[in-house]
Amino acid sequence: MAPPPRRSPAALWAASGLLLAVSVLGAAALLHLLVGWPARAVGPIALAGLAVAAGLVCGRLALTRGAGAEALPVVVVVGGLAILILACYVVVVIGLRRTPHGTERDVLGLSMAAALIGAAFSAPVGAACASSWTAGSERPRSRLRSRWRRSVPA
């Protein structure tokens, strides 16, 4: 069986930047569709361009070149989660059978912003949780097992 092909670090960073740009544009489109923000598309387009440029630059810098393989899954998870959350809001608005007005629109926009912030922090929190559950780390597992044993009546 042949080993998997080796990916270029510059290509991985470029893909990360491109996926981040698509996520930013998708989130901005859904936000505009539901709450009318941003009113103009210049900001999200500039931010998406900046994400692509940052990906290209990170692929060329010696300091960050090797981290491309770690960056791509993080961007996929965070970007995909953000779009998934906003798509759920589209379903909620369709379920209302009317467009939100006045303070309803403000509440919807603020809750969407809170959900996007939660999606942005999903990768660092997930990495912190995963690092405590590495293969050599038996201590957290034994603590969890002892808690389960105490909480389950005999």
Protein backbone atom coordinates (compact mmCIF):
# COMPACT_ATOMS: atom_id res chain seq x y z
CA MET A 1 0.00 0.00 0.00
CA ALA A 2 1.45 3.35 -1.02
CA PRO A 3 1.83 6.12 1.56
CA PRO A 4 -0.55 9.07 1.22
CA PRO A 5 0.72 11.90 -0.95
CA ARG A 6 2.56 14.66 0.89
CA ARG A 7 0.80 18.02 0.76
CA SER A 8 2.70 21.23 0.31
CA PRO A 9 2.56 23.48 3.41
CA ALA A 10 1.89 26.47 1.18
CA ALA A 11 -1.07 24.67 -0.42
CA LEU A 12 -2.47 23.73 3.01
CA TRP A 13 -2.26 27.34 4.17
CA ALA A 14 -3.81 28.59 0.94
CA ALA A 15 -6.67 26.13 1.36
CA SER A 16 -7.12 27.28 4.97
CA GLY A 17 -7.29 30.91 3.88
CA LEU A 18 -9.72 30.10 1.08
CA LEU A 19 -12.00 28.07 3.37
CA LEU A 20 -11.94 30.86 5.94
CA ALA A 21 -12.86 33.36 3.23
CA VAL A 22 -15.78 31.21 2.06
CA SER A 23 -16.97 30.88 5.67
CA VAL A 24 -16.78 34.65 6.21
CA LEU A 25 -18.70 35.36 3.01
CA GLY A 26 -21.31 32.69 3.79
CA ALA A 27 -21.81 33.98 7.33
CA ALA A 28 -22.08 37.56 6.08
CA ALA A 29 -24.63 36.54 3.44
CA LEU A 30 -26.78 34.71 6.00
CA LEU A 31 -26.53 37.59 8.47
CA HIS A 32 -27.56 40.04 5.77
CA LEU A 33 -30.43 37.82 4.70
CA LEU A 34 -31.82 37.51 8.23
CA VAL A 35 -31.06 40.79 9.98
CA GLY A 36 -29.84 43.16 7.26
CA TRP A 37 -26.33 43.41 8.64
CA PRO A 38 -23.86 44.21 7.16
CA ALA A 39 -25.67 46.74 5.00
CA ARG A 40 -22.83 46.84 2.47
CA ALA A 41 -20.74 43.93 1.29
CA VAL A 42 -17.43 45.81 1.28
CA GLY A 43 -16.42 44.77 4.82
CA PRO A 44 -16.97 41.02 4.44
CA ILE A 45 -15.33 40.99 1.01
CA ALA A 46 -12.29 42.81 2.40
CA LEU A 47 -12.15 40.42 5.37
CA ALA A 48 -12.37 37.42 3.03
CA GLY A 49 -9.56 38.83 0.89
CA LEU A 50 -7.49 39.37 4.01
CA ALA A 51 -8.08 35.73 5.03
CA VAL A 52 -6.84 34.46 1.65
CA ALA A 53 -3.82 36.78 1.78
CA ALA A 54 -3.01 35.67 5.34
CA GLY A 55 -3.17 32.04 4.25
CA LEU A 56 -0.79 32.69 1.37
CA VAL A 57 1.64 34.60 3.59
CA CYS A 58 1.58 31.95 6.34
CA GLY A 59 2.43 29.33 3.73
CA ARG A 60 5.57 31.23 2.81
CA LEU A 61 6.86 32.22 6.25
CA ALA A 62 9.36 29.81 7.77
CA LEU A 63 7.86 30.34 11.24
CA THR A 64 4.36 29.16 10.28
CA ARG A 65 5.01 26.96 7.26
CA GLY A 66 4.96 23.69 9.19
CA ALA A 67 1.65 24.38 10.93
CA GLY A 68 -0.47 24.22 7.78
CA ALA A 69 -1.54 20.64 8.47
CA GLU A 70 -2.85 21.69 11.89
CA ALA A 71 -4.53 24.88 10.65
CA LEU A 72 -6.69 23.31 7.95
CA PRO A 73 -8.78 21.04 10.23
CA VAL A 74 -9.34 23.92 12.65
CA VAL A 75 -10.61 26.15 9.85
CA VAL A 76 -12.86 23.38 8.54
CA VAL A 77 -14.38 22.77 11.98
CA VAL A 78 -14.85 26.43 12.96
CA GLY A 79 -16.07 27.58 9.54
CA GLY A 80 -18.39 24.63 9.10
CA LEU A 81 -19.80 25.03 12.59
CA ALA A 82 -20.44 28.75 12.02
CA ILE A 83 -22.32 28.10 8.78
CA LEU A 84 -24.26 25.23 10.38
CA ILE A 85 -25.34 27.43 13.28
CA LEU A 86 -26.44 30.23 10.96
CA ALA A 87 -28.33 27.76 8.78
CA CYS A 88 -30.25 26.72 11.92
CA TYR A 89 -31.24 30.36 12.36
CA VAL A 90 -32.58 30.37 8.80
CA VAL A 91 -34.77 27.40 9.74
CA VAL A 92 -35.98 29.29 12.84
CA VAL A 93 -36.92 32.34 10.80
CA ILE A 94 -38.69 30.16 8.23
CA GLY A 95 -40.53 28.52 11.12
CA LEU A 96 -41.73 31.94 12.31
CA ARG A 97 -43.36 32.39 8.88
CA ARG A 98 -42.51 36.08 8.90
CA THR A 99 -39.46 38.26 8.97
CA PRO A 100 -38.51 39.60 12.39
CA HIS A 101 -39.10 43.32 12.95
CA GLY A 102 -37.86 45.92 15.44
CA THR A 103 -36.52 44.45 18.65
CA GLU A 104 -37.03 40.90 17.38
CA ARG A 105 -34.49 41.63 14.68
CA ASP A 106 -32.05 43.04 17.24
CA VAL A 107 -32.41 39.98 19.48
CA LEU A 108 -31.97 37.65 16.50
CA GLY A 109 -28.83 39.50 15.39
CA LEU A 110 -27.30 39.50 18.86
CA SER A 111 -28.02 35.81 19.39
CA MET A 112 -26.47 35.04 16.01
CA ALA A 113 -23.38 37.02 16.99
CA ALA A 114 -23.17 35.09 20.27
CA ALA A 115 -23.46 31.79 18.39
CA LEU A 116 -20.68 32.82 16.01
CA ILE A 117 -18.43 33.72 18.94
CA GLY A 118 -19.15 30.29 20.40
CA ALA A 119 -18.23 28.67 17.09
CA ALA A 120 -14.98 30.65 16.96
CA PHE A 121 -14.00 29.37 20.40
CA SER A 122 -14.95 25.77 19.62
CA ALA A 123 -11.52 24.87 18.25
CA PRO A 124 -9.38 26.17 21.16
CA VAL A 125 -11.71 24.65 23.75
CA GLY A 126 -11.82 21.36 21.86
CA ALA A 127 -8.03 21.29 21.63
CA ALA A 128 -7.70 21.94 25.36
CA CYS A 129 -10.13 19.13 26.14
CA ALA A 130 -8.44 16.75 23.74
CA SER A 131 -4.99 17.45 25.16
CA SER A 132 -6.15 16.29 28.59
CA TRP A 133 -7.33 12.99 27.07
CA THR A 134 -4.16 11.91 25.29
CA ALA A 135 -3.23 8.24 25.16
CA GLY A 136 -0.71 8.46 28.00
CA SER A 137 -2.95 10.43 30.32
CA GLU A 138 -4.72 7.97 32.58
CA ARG A 139 -5.37 10.36 35.48
CA PRO A 140 -8.43 12.20 34.01
CA ARG A 141 -9.96 8.87 33.01
CA SER A 142 -9.53 7.35 36.44
CA ARG A 143 -11.06 10.45 38.07
CA LEU A 144 -14.04 10.27 35.73
CA ARG A 145 -14.49 6.54 36.38
CA SER A 146 -14.47 7.08 40.14
CA ARG A 147 -17.08 9.85 39.82
CA TRP A 148 -19.29 7.59 37.72
CA ARG A 149 -19.01 4.78 40.27
CA ARG A 150 -20.00 7.12 43.11
CA SER A 151 -22.95 8.59 41.21
CA VAL A 152 -24.52 5.31 40.13
CA PRO A 153 -26.47 3.64 42.97
CA ALA A 154 -25.73 -0.01 43.56
